[in-house]
């Protein structure tokens, strides 16, 4: 089975970054990871790679600094060290106020990377097509693309990060290389929006994952556990979304591996129904252990699960990141973000350790007979 890192921070030419020459300080690639994926008209596969570009020396003169976009410029904001909590290398928390407030240690932009039809090697890197912040609701970056092709139209959801809101934004394209920003489609802290690759009864469907600090309890003895879950929404045009009344995939009480969960790859239609790959998080350390799981949903009513397994489909693989150990800042994370049909198998794209892009070939027989 092919299971390799195909794109890493070392493959980025920062002289061609949208931030190049605009920050006023040296930067480096903290991670090149969580790639959205789709198949181009020429048969090649496209990864839309999240590039987290960070300051080489974020702490200076007793302050920690964050990069922020504003009106076409990139600014450095300074926060006194005594005001912040820096336990998580990806962000720092600013205590006080009665709620969580944070800033990021990097700013993310999206880089299109073209691979061969089985995603074994890089064909081209399209720096001229990179997507960077361009409006105030993206001032801290554009993150975690997910790409779906519905008919002859490519739709890409992203997380846009700012003090205004942590929103889901939509881009559209006719070729998956030239993208038009359509604006915000889901509001504050609704992450992992995955548009189904096909209509159901003439409507667009999507998986969503609203976040919050409060969840109501299931009754004692329930098979479900309260917490973040994968919900469903419907839309006539992919712009205006209404939450579906029935719940989607929920954390199961039989396993601690779904204490947190969220969508992974956009659902694709198979003979058994909609195949969806999603992530579950087992509590451990600061960020937990991220694994990839799968479910098949009814083709006419995606709120019905036809088949699933508690056993992980993909586990974090330390052997893959061993050559990059000097760049590691997290471990125990595989975060799947794309899937493409390749005949007898699926090409699955993931972010490994929030550091690099992992490609795994998974035989279709894995999903064919499972209950």
Protein backbone atom coordinates (compact mmCIF):
# COMPACT_ATOMS: atom_id res chain seq x y z
CA UNK A 1 0.00 0.00 0.00
CA UNK A 2 1.27 3.47 -0.87
CA UNK A 3 1.48 5.55 2.31
CA UNK A 4 3.95 8.43 2.09
CA UNK A 5 4.52 12.10 2.75
CA UNK A 6 4.36 13.80 -0.66
CA UNK A 7 4.77 17.46 0.31
CA UNK A 8 6.59 18.93 3.31
CA UNK A 9 7.72 22.36 4.56
CA UNK A 10 11.05 21.84 2.78
CA UNK A 11 9.18 21.88 -0.55
CA UNK A 12 7.97 25.47 -0.05
CA UNK A 13 9.79 28.37 -1.71
CA UNK A 14 9.05 31.23 0.69
CA UNK A 15 10.46 33.74 -1.77
CA UNK A 16 7.22 33.10 -3.72
CA UNK A 17 4.95 33.32 -0.67
CA UNK A 18 2.17 35.96 -0.66
CA UNK A 19 3.88 37.30 2.49
CA UNK A 20 7.34 37.56 0.90
CA UNK A 21 8.93 40.96 1.60
CA UNK A 22 5.82 42.21 3.42
CA UNK A 23 6.26 41.09 7.03
CA UNK A 24 9.39 42.92 8.15
CA UNK A 25 10.77 39.85 9.94
CA UNK A 26 12.12 36.44 8.98
CA UNK A 27 9.51 33.70 8.59
CA UNK A 28 9.58 29.95 8.11
CA UNK A 29 7.08 27.21 7.27
CA UNK A 30 5.65 25.83 10.49
CA UNK A 31 3.59 23.33 8.50
CA UNK A 32 2.41 22.45 4.98
CA UNK A 33 -0.56 20.25 5.76
CA UNK A 34 -4.34 19.53 5.76
CA UNK A 35 -4.70 19.58 1.96
CA UNK A 36 -8.05 19.76 0.24
CA UNK A 37 -7.97 17.50 -2.83
CA UNK A 38 -9.76 17.15 -6.16
CA UNK A 39 -9.15 15.74 -9.62
CA UNK A 40 -8.37 18.20 -12.40
CA UNK A 41 -9.67 17.99 -15.96
CA UNK A 42 -6.25 16.70 -17.12
CA UNK A 43 -6.53 13.69 -14.78
CA UNK A 44 -3.99 14.92 -12.26
CA UNK A 45 -4.86 15.46 -8.61
CA UNK A 46 -4.69 18.87 -6.99
CA UNK A 47 -3.82 19.46 -3.36
CA UNK A 48 -4.80 22.80 -1.86
CA UNK A 49 -2.16 22.83 0.88
CA UNK A 50 -2.47 24.90 4.03
CA UNK A 51 0.85 26.70 4.52
CA UNK A 52 1.26 27.96 8.08
CA UNK A 53 3.91 30.67 7.86
CA UNK A 54 5.36 31.66 11.23
CA UNK A 55 7.87 34.13 12.61
CA UNK A 56 11.36 32.71 13.07
CA UNK A 57 11.67 34.68 16.32
CA UNK A 58 8.15 35.31 17.64
CA UNK A 59 9.40 36.33 21.09
CA UNK A 60 11.38 39.53 21.22
CA UNK A 61 11.84 42.25 23.87
CA UNK A 62 9.50 40.52 26.29
CA UNK A 63 6.66 40.21 23.77
CA UNK A 64 5.24 37.42 21.66
CA UNK A 65 4.21 38.51 18.18
CA UNK A 66 1.44 37.51 15.79
CA UNK A 67 1.12 38.21 12.06
CA UNK A 68 -2.05 39.98 10.94
CA UNK A 69 -3.26 41.05 7.49
CA UNK A 70 -4.79 44.51 7.14
CA UNK A 71 -5.68 46.33 3.92
CA UNK A 72 -3.11 44.47 1.84
CA UNK A 73 -0.30 44.74 4.40
CA UNK A 74 1.01 42.26 6.98
CA UNK A 75 1.46 43.70 10.47
CA UNK A 76 3.12 42.38 13.64
CA UNK A 77 1.11 42.61 16.85
CA UNK A 78 3.06 42.47 20.14
CA UNK A 79 1.62 40.85 23.29
CA UNK A 80 3.49 41.03 26.62
CA UNK A 81 4.56 37.53 27.69
CA UNK A 82 3.10 37.95 31.16
CA UNK A 83 -0.34 38.36 29.56
CA UNK A 84 -0.40 35.11 27.58
CA UNK A 85 -0.32 31.31 27.87
CA UNK A 86 1.95 29.63 25.30
CA UNK A 87 1.52 25.90 26.14
CA UNK A 88 0.15 25.08 22.67
CA UNK A 89 2.79 25.77 19.98
CA UNK A 90 0.10 26.64 17.43
CA UNK A 91 -1.43 29.52 19.38
CA UNK A 92 -1.30 31.55 22.57
CA UNK A 93 -4.18 32.21 24.94
CA UNK A 94 -4.95 35.63 26.38
CA UNK A 95 -6.59 34.99 29.79
CA UNK A 96 -9.28 37.15 31.29
CA UNK A 97 -12.68 38.40 30.24
CA UNK A 98 -14.58 35.25 31.20
CA UNK A 99 -14.07 33.46 27.87
CA UNK A 100 -11.25 32.04 25.77
CA UNK A 101 -9.38 34.54 23.61
CA UNK A 102 -6.40 33.48 21.52
CA UNK A 103 -4.05 34.51 18.74
CA UNK A 104 -2.07 32.33 16.36
CA UNK A 105 1.67 31.81 16.11
CA UNK A 106 1.40 31.65 12.31
CA UNK A 107 -0.70 32.97 9.43
CA UNK A 108 -2.05 30.42 6.95
CA UNK A 109 -2.49 30.69 3.20
CA UNK A 110 -3.39 28.07 0.57
CA UNK A 111 -1.01 26.73 -2.07
CA UNK A 112 -2.21 24.64 -5.06
CA UNK A 113 0.11 21.65 -5.59
CA UNK A 114 -0.52 19.45 -8.63
CA UNK A 115 0.25 15.72 -8.36
CA UNK A 116 0.19 12.83 -10.82
CA UNK A 117 -3.12 10.88 -11.16
CA UNK A 118 -2.30 8.56 -8.22
CA UNK A 119 -0.75 11.36 -6.10
CA UNK A 120 2.64 9.66 -5.88
CA UNK A 121 4.71 12.68 -6.93
CA UNK A 122 4.51 16.43 -7.48
CA UNK A 123 3.97 17.66 -11.03
CA UNK A 124 3.76 21.42 -10.44
CA UNK A 125 3.41 24.00 -7.65
CA UNK A 126 1.15 26.89 -8.65
CA UNK A 127 2.41 29.82 -6.59
CA UNK A 128 0.64 32.24 -8.93
CA UNK A 129 -2.70 30.71 -7.87
CA UNK A 130 -2.13 30.88 -4.11
CA UNK A 131 -4.99 32.07 -1.91
CA UNK A 132 -4.15 34.54 0.85
CA UNK A 133 -6.20 36.82 3.13
CA UNK A 134 -8.02 39.53 1.23
CA UNK A 135 -10.70 40.78 3.61
CA UNK A 136 -10.98 41.66 7.29
CA UNK A 137 -12.65 38.38 8.28
CA UNK A 138 -9.51 36.57 7.08
CA UNK A 139 -6.94 38.75 8.82
CA UNK A 140 -5.40 35.84 10.79
CA UNK A 141 -5.41 33.48 7.81
CA UNK A 142 -7.23 31.08 5.51
CA UNK A 143 -7.16 27.48 6.71
CA UNK A 144 -8.06 23.86 5.90
CA UNK A 145 -9.54 23.78 2.41
CA UNK A 146 -12.05 21.05 1.48
CA UNK A 147 -12.89 20.70 -2.22
CA UNK A 148 -15.97 19.12 -3.76
CA UNK A 149 -16.93 18.87 -7.41
CA UNK A 150 -20.67 19.10 -7.94
CA UNK A 151 -21.60 18.81 -11.60
CA UNK A 152 -19.11 20.93 -13.54
CA UNK A 153 -18.46 23.30 -10.62
CA UNK A 154 -15.73 23.07 -7.99
CA UNK A 155 -16.68 24.27 -4.51
CA UNK A 156 -14.08 24.87 -1.82
CA UNK A 157 -14.84 25.60 1.82
CA UNK A 158 -12.21 27.14 4.09
CA UNK A 159 -11.97 28.43 7.65
CA UNK A 160 -11.40 32.18 7.74
CA UNK A 161 -9.92 33.42 11.00
CA UNK A 162 -10.23 36.87 12.55
CA UNK A 163 -11.32 38.72 15.70
CA UNK A 164 -14.60 39.43 13.86
CA UNK A 165 -15.53 35.74 13.66
CA UNK A 166 -14.18 32.24 13.05
CA UNK A 167 -16.25 31.55 9.96
CA UNK A 168 -16.60 29.15 7.05
CA UNK A 169 -16.10 30.76 3.65
CA UNK A 170 -16.85 29.46 0.17
CA UNK A 171 -14.82 29.68 -3.03
CA UNK A 172 -16.01 28.49 -6.44
CA UNK A 173 -14.14 27.62 -9.62
CA UNK A 174 -14.62 26.18 -13.08
CA UNK A 175 -11.17 24.54 -13.12
CA UNK A 176 -10.02 24.24 -9.45
CA UNK A 177 -7.12 26.61 -10.10
CA UNK A 178 -8.73 30.03 -10.47
CA UNK A 179 -10.99 30.59 -7.46
CA UNK A 180 -13.63 33.23 -6.75
CA UNK A 181 -14.38 34.13 -3.12
CA UNK A 182 -18.14 33.85 -2.60
CA UNK A 183 -18.07 35.04 1.01
CA UNK A 184 -19.13 33.69 4.40
CA UNK A 185 -21.58 30.77 4.34
CA UNK A 186 -21.49 29.65 7.99
CA UNK A 187 -20.94 31.97 10.91
CA UNK A 188 -18.91 31.87 14.08
CA UNK A 189 -16.98 28.68 14.98
CA UNK A 190 -18.62 26.29 12.56
CA UNK A 191 -15.70 24.20 11.33
CA UNK A 192 -15.10 21.25 9.01
CA UNK A 193 -17.79 22.06 6.46
CA UNK A 194 -17.79 19.37 3.77
CA UNK A 195 -20.06 19.66 0.74
CA UNK A 196 -21.31 16.34 -0.63
CA UNK A 197 -20.02 15.56 -4.12
CA UNK A 198 -23.47 15.43 -5.68
CA UNK A 199 -27.02 16.66 -5.15
CA UNK A 200 -29.72 14.87 -3.16
CA UNK A 201 -33.23 15.51 -4.44
CA UNK A 202 -31.95 18.61 -6.23
CA UNK A 203 -30.29 20.15 -3.18
CA UNK A 204 -26.72 20.63 -1.99
CA UNK A 205 -25.90 18.90 1.28
CA UNK A 206 -23.02 19.47 3.67
CA UNK A 207 -21.59 18.16 6.90
CA UNK A 208 -20.85 20.83 9.51
CA UNK A 209 -19.39 20.89 13.01
CA UNK A 210 -20.59 23.76 15.22
CA UNK A 211 -18.48 24.39 18.31
CA UNK A 212 -19.50 25.56 21.74
CA UNK A 213 -18.61 25.46 25.44
CA UNK A 214 -21.88 23.82 26.51
CA UNK A 215 -23.55 20.56 25.46
CA UNK A 216 -26.66 19.03 27.00
CA UNK A 217 -26.43 15.50 28.39
CA UNK A 218 -27.81 12.40 26.75
CA UNK A 219 -29.82 10.28 29.23
CA UNK A 220 -27.97 7.68 31.35
CA UNK A 221 -27.26 4.53 29.37
CA UNK A 222 -27.45 6.25 25.97
CA UNK A 223 -25.21 4.92 23.19
CA UNK A 224 -24.19 8.52 22.49
CA UNK A 225 -21.85 10.89 24.32
CA UNK A 226 -22.49 14.63 24.53
CA UNK A 227 -19.99 16.89 22.77
CA UNK A 228 -19.00 18.13 19.31
CA UNK A 229 -20.74 16.16 16.56
CA UNK A 230 -21.03 16.13 12.78
CA UNK A 231 -24.27 17.82 11.73
CA UNK A 232 -25.99 18.20 8.37
CA UNK A 233 -27.22 21.20 6.37
CA UNK A 234 -29.04 21.66 3.06
CA UNK A 235 -28.94 24.44 0.47
CA UNK A 236 -30.58 25.31 -2.87
CA UNK A 237 -27.47 27.08 -4.17
CA UNK A 238 -24.47 26.20 -1.92
CA UNK A 239 -24.61 29.75 -0.50
CA UNK A 240 -27.63 29.75 1.79
CA UNK A 241 -27.65 26.84 4.25
CA UNK A 242 -30.38 25.50 6.53
CA UNK A 243 -29.46 23.00 9.27
CA UNK A 244 -31.10 19.61 8.77
CA UNK A 245 -33.55 18.67 11.52
CA UNK A 246 -32.11 15.18 12.08
CA UNK A 247 -28.66 14.73 13.67
CA UNK A 248 -25.68 13.42 11.75
CA UNK A 249 -22.73 11.43 13.14
CA UNK A 250 -22.42 11.69 16.92
CA UNK A 251 -19.71 10.64 19.40
CA UNK A 252 -20.34 7.08 20.55
CA UNK A 253 -20.23 6.14 24.22
CA UNK A 254 -18.51 2.85 23.38
CA UNK A 255 -15.20 4.54 22.55
CA UNK A 256 -13.12 7.40 23.97
CA UNK A 257 -11.65 7.98 20.52
CA UNK A 258 -14.55 10.24 19.59
CA UNK A 259 -14.47 12.50 22.64
CA UNK A 260 -14.08 15.17 19.95
CA UNK A 261 -14.91 14.62 16.31
CA UNK A 262 -15.38 16.44 13.02
CA UNK A 263 -15.61 16.00 9.28
CA UNK A 264 -12.64 14.92 7.18
CA UNK A 265 -13.04 14.31 3.45
CA UNK A 266 -16.12 15.51 1.52
CA UNK A 267 -18.61 12.62 1.17
CA UNK A 268 -18.52 10.76 -2.14
CA UNK A 269 -21.24 8.49 -3.54
CA UNK A 270 -20.57 4.74 -3.68
CA UNK A 271 -22.76 1.71 -4.41
CA UNK A 272 -23.58 1.47 -0.69
CA UNK A 273 -24.23 5.17 -0.11
CA UNK A 274 -22.21 8.27 0.80
CA UNK A 275 -18.72 7.37 2.02
CA UNK A 276 -17.49 9.88 4.57
CA UNK A 277 -14.09 9.96 6.29
CA UNK A 278 -14.00 11.85 9.57
CA UNK A 279 -11.66 12.43 12.51
CA UNK A 280 -12.04 11.38 16.10
CA UNK A 281 -9.87 12.66 18.94
CA UNK A 282 -8.88 10.65 22.00
CA UNK A 283 -7.96 12.90 24.96
CA UNK A 284 -4.20 12.84 25.54
CA UNK A 285 -1.76 15.64 26.32
CA UNK A 286 -2.43 19.13 24.97
CA UNK A 287 -4.16 18.33 21.65
CA UNK A 288 -5.13 14.63 21.88
CA UNK A 289 -4.66 11.72 19.45
CA UNK A 290 -6.27 12.34 16.05
CA UNK A 291 -7.33 9.33 13.95
CA UNK A 292 -9.40 8.87 10.80
CA UNK A 293 -12.63 6.86 10.84
CA UNK A 294 -15.27 6.14 8.22
CA UNK A 295 -19.02 5.80 7.82
CA UNK A 296 -21.39 5.14 4.92
CA UNK A 297 -24.55 7.22 4.90
CA UNK A 298 -27.85 6.48 3.18
CA UNK A 299 -27.83 7.90 -0.35
CA UNK A 300 -31.27 9.53 0.05
CA UNK A 301 -31.13 10.46 3.76
CA UNK A 302 -27.56 11.10 5.01
CA UNK A 303 -28.79 11.26 8.61
CA UNK A 304 -29.03 7.45 8.44
CA UNK A 305 -25.74 5.58 8.93
CA UNK A 306 -25.64 2.42 6.81
CA UNK A 307 -22.23 1.15 7.96
CA UNK A 308 -19.37 2.26 10.21
CA UNK A 309 -16.56 0.89 12.37
CA UNK A 310 -15.03 1.94 15.69
CA UNK A 311 -11.62 0.74 14.47
CA UNK A 312 -9.58 3.58 12.97
CA UNK A 313 -8.99 3.62 9.22
CA UNK A 314 -5.80 5.68 9.58
CA UNK A 315 -3.52 6.15 12.58
CA UNK A 316 -0.75 8.70 13.02
CA UNK A 317 2.45 7.24 11.59
CA UNK A 318 5.64 8.40 13.37
CA UNK A 319 7.82 6.57 10.84
CA UNK A 320 6.69 8.99 8.13
CA UNK A 321 7.75 12.07 10.09
CA UNK A 322 11.00 10.63 11.47
CA UNK A 323 13.07 12.38 8.74
CA UNK A 324 11.40 15.64 9.82
CA UNK A 325 11.87 15.15 13.56
CA UNK A 326 13.80 18.41 13.94
CA UNK A 327 10.73 20.29 12.66
CA UNK A 328 8.16 18.44 14.79
CA UNK A 329 6.08 20.41 17.27
CA UNK A 330 3.13 17.99 17.55
CA UNK A 331 2.68 14.24 17.28
CA UNK A 332 -0.21 11.77 17.29
CA UNK A 333 -2.17 13.65 14.62
CA UNK A 334 -3.50 12.46 11.27
CA UNK A 335 -6.18 14.76 9.87
CA UNK A 336 -7.81 13.53 6.66
CA UNK A 337 -9.07 16.21 4.28
CA UNK A 338 -9.61 14.66 0.83
CA UNK A 339 -10.51 11.52 -1.11
CA UNK A 340 -10.45 10.69 -4.82
CA UNK A 341 -11.46 7.62 -6.81
CA UNK A 342 -8.52 5.86 -8.53
CA UNK A 343 -10.18 2.71 -9.89
CA UNK A 344 -9.59 -0.21 -7.52
CA UNK A 345 -8.61 2.07 -4.65
CA UNK A 346 -9.12 5.50 -3.17
CA UNK A 347 -6.44 8.15 -2.88
CA UNK A 348 -6.76 9.67 0.60
CA UNK A 349 -5.09 12.97 1.48
CA UNK A 350 -4.30 13.91 5.09
CA UNK A 351 -2.27 16.30 7.16
CA UNK A 352 0.31 14.45 9.27
CA UNK A 353 1.35 15.97 12.61
CA UNK A 354 0.16 19.42 11.43
CA UNK A 355 3.42 19.36 9.48
CA UNK A 356 3.20 17.68 6.06
CA UNK A 357 0.86 16.19 3.44
CA UNK A 358 0.31 12.45 3.60
CA UNK A 359 -1.12 10.37 0.75
CA UNK A 360 -2.52 6.89 1.43
CA UNK A 361 -3.98 4.40 -1.05
CA UNK A 362 -6.87 2.45 0.47
CA UNK A 363 -8.53 -0.46 -1.34
CA UNK A 364 -12.25 -0.20 -1.96
CA UNK A 365 -12.72 -3.65 -0.48
CA UNK A 366 -12.20 -2.11 2.98
CA UNK A 367 -15.62 -0.47 2.73
CA UNK A 368 -17.44 -3.02 0.57
CA UNK A 369 -18.30 -5.71 3.11
CA UNK A 370 -17.99 -4.03 6.49
CA UNK A 371 -21.22 -3.97 8.55
